[in-house]
Amino acid sequence: MLFFIRFTTVFFEIIWHIRSIVLFMSLWLAFGAVLIAFVEKIPFGDALYFSFITGLTIGYGDVVMKTFTGRLISVLIGLTGIIFTGLIVAAAVETIRKVIHQKNDKA
């Protein structure tokens, strides 16, 4: 339990340092939804759903883009999702490294 508390504290400290990147990527996903809704003429809710499913690199395939521009925006959203996922994984790895290092220093 103590490891989890230390992990959570250090993880959010690291995320706080990269908050502008996380915010930009989140806003890009929302802005991508606006673009897709406009280009593909689909409801904003469906576009937002599509944007986050694509950004999280899940991609169910139930909503698909039909125009070249919509597909291009989808690719950019997917690339953003890959970068975002890598960033979060890197933050988690750095957190584990720091917590283990702190534990070894106290021992």
Protein backbone atom coordinates (compact mmCIF):
# COMPACT_ATOMS: atom_id res chain seq x y z
CA MET A 1 0.00 0.00 0.00
CA LEU A 2 2.84 2.37 0.84
CA PHE A 3 4.44 1.72 -2.58
CA PHE A 4 1.17 2.64 -4.29
CA ILE A 5 0.90 5.89 -2.36
CA ARG A 6 4.50 6.81 -3.19
CA PHE A 7 3.96 5.79 -6.82
CA THR A 8 0.83 7.92 -7.13
CA THR A 9 2.48 10.95 -5.55
CA VAL A 10 5.58 10.79 -7.75
CA PHE A 11 3.53 9.99 -10.88
CA PHE A 12 1.39 13.09 -10.49
CA GLU A 13 4.51 15.18 -9.81
CA ILE A 14 5.93 14.01 -13.14
CA ILE A 15 2.62 14.59 -14.93
CA TRP A 16 2.55 18.08 -13.41
CA HIS A 17 5.88 18.83 -15.12
CA ILE A 18 4.53 17.79 -18.51
CA ARG A 19 1.03 19.20 -17.98
CA SER A 20 1.24 21.56 -20.96
CA ILE A 21 1.98 18.65 -23.30
CA VAL A 22 -0.85 16.57 -21.81
CA LEU A 23 -3.23 19.53 -22.07
CA PHE A 24 -2.23 20.24 -25.68
CA MET A 25 -2.78 16.62 -26.69
CA SER A 26 -6.15 16.49 -24.95
CA LEU A 27 -7.22 19.72 -26.63
CA TRP A 28 -6.04 18.37 -29.99
CA LEU A 29 -8.32 15.35 -29.55
CA ALA A 30 -11.27 17.65 -28.82
CA PHE A 31 -10.37 19.98 -31.71
CA GLY A 32 -10.00 16.95 -33.97
CA ALA A 33 -13.56 16.00 -33.05
CA VAL A 34 -14.77 19.46 -34.09
CA LEU A 35 -12.93 19.15 -37.41
CA ILE A 36 -14.30 15.66 -38.05
CA ALA A 37 -17.85 16.73 -37.22
CA PHE A 38 -17.53 19.61 -39.69
CA VAL A 39 -15.79 17.67 -42.49
CA GLU A 40 -17.76 14.43 -42.23
CA LYS A 41 -21.11 16.05 -41.36
CA ILE A 42 -21.69 13.75 -38.39
CA PRO A 43 -23.03 14.69 -34.94
CA PHE A 44 -20.43 16.15 -32.57
CA GLY A 45 -21.01 13.37 -30.03
CA ASP A 46 -20.13 10.74 -32.61
CA ALA A 47 -17.09 12.74 -33.70
CA LEU A 48 -15.92 13.15 -30.10
CA TYR A 49 -16.41 9.43 -29.49
CA PHE A 50 -14.46 8.64 -32.67
CA SER A 51 -11.68 11.06 -31.76
CA PHE A 52 -11.08 9.57 -28.32
CA ILE A 53 -11.42 5.95 -29.49
CA THR A 54 -8.91 6.67 -32.26
CA GLY A 55 -6.68 8.75 -29.97
CA LEU A 56 -6.55 5.92 -27.45
CA THR A 57 -5.61 3.64 -30.38
CA ILE A 58 -8.55 1.32 -29.72
CA GLY A 59 -10.37 1.83 -33.04
CA TYR A 60 -13.56 -0.24 -32.91
CA GLY A 61 -14.46 0.56 -36.53
CA ASP A 62 -18.10 1.39 -35.83
CA VAL A 63 -17.58 5.01 -36.96
CA VAL A 64 -15.47 5.45 -40.09
CA MET A 65 -14.42 8.48 -42.07
CA LYS A 66 -15.47 8.60 -45.70
CA THR A 67 -13.59 11.65 -47.02
CA PHE A 68 -9.86 12.03 -47.60
CA THR A 69 -9.72 15.00 -45.21
CA GLY A 70 -11.53 13.04 -42.50
CA ARG A 71 -9.11 10.16 -42.89
CA LEU A 72 -6.13 12.51 -42.74
CA ILE A 73 -7.45 14.04 -39.50
CA SER A 74 -7.98 10.51 -38.17
CA VAL A 75 -4.36 9.60 -38.88
CA LEU A 76 -3.15 12.73 -37.07
CA ILE A 77 -5.38 11.90 -34.11
CA GLY A 78 -4.04 8.34 -34.06
CA LEU A 79 -0.43 9.56 -34.15
CA THR A 80 -1.20 11.93 -31.30
CA GLY A 81 -2.63 8.99 -29.37
CA ILE A 82 0.52 6.94 -29.90
CA ILE A 83 2.69 9.82 -28.66
CA PHE A 84 0.34 10.40 -25.71
CA THR A 85 0.44 6.72 -24.75
CA GLY A 86 4.23 6.68 -24.98
CA LEU A 87 4.42 9.79 -22.82
CA ILE A 88 2.25 8.28 -20.09
CA VAL A 89 4.20 5.00 -20.16
CA ALA A 90 7.50 6.92 -19.94
CA ALA A 91 6.14 8.87 -16.95
CA ALA A 92 5.10 5.62 -15.26
CA VAL A 93 8.54 4.04 -15.86
CA GLU A 94 10.30 7.13 -14.50
CA THR A 95 8.00 7.04 -11.48
CA ILE A 96 8.84 3.42 -10.74
CA ARG A 97 12.55 4.21 -11.12
CA LYS A 98 12.31 7.14 -8.69
CA VAL A 99 10.25 5.25 -6.11
CA ILE A 100 12.62 2.27 -6.14
CA HIS A 101 15.60 4.64 -5.91
CA GLN A 102 14.00 6.40 -2.91
CA LYS A 103 13.32 3.04 -1.27
CA ASN A 104 16.94 1.93 -1.76
CA ASP A 105 18.28 5.23 -0.37
CA LYS A 106 16.26 4.78 2.84
CA ALA A 107 17.37 1.18 3.31
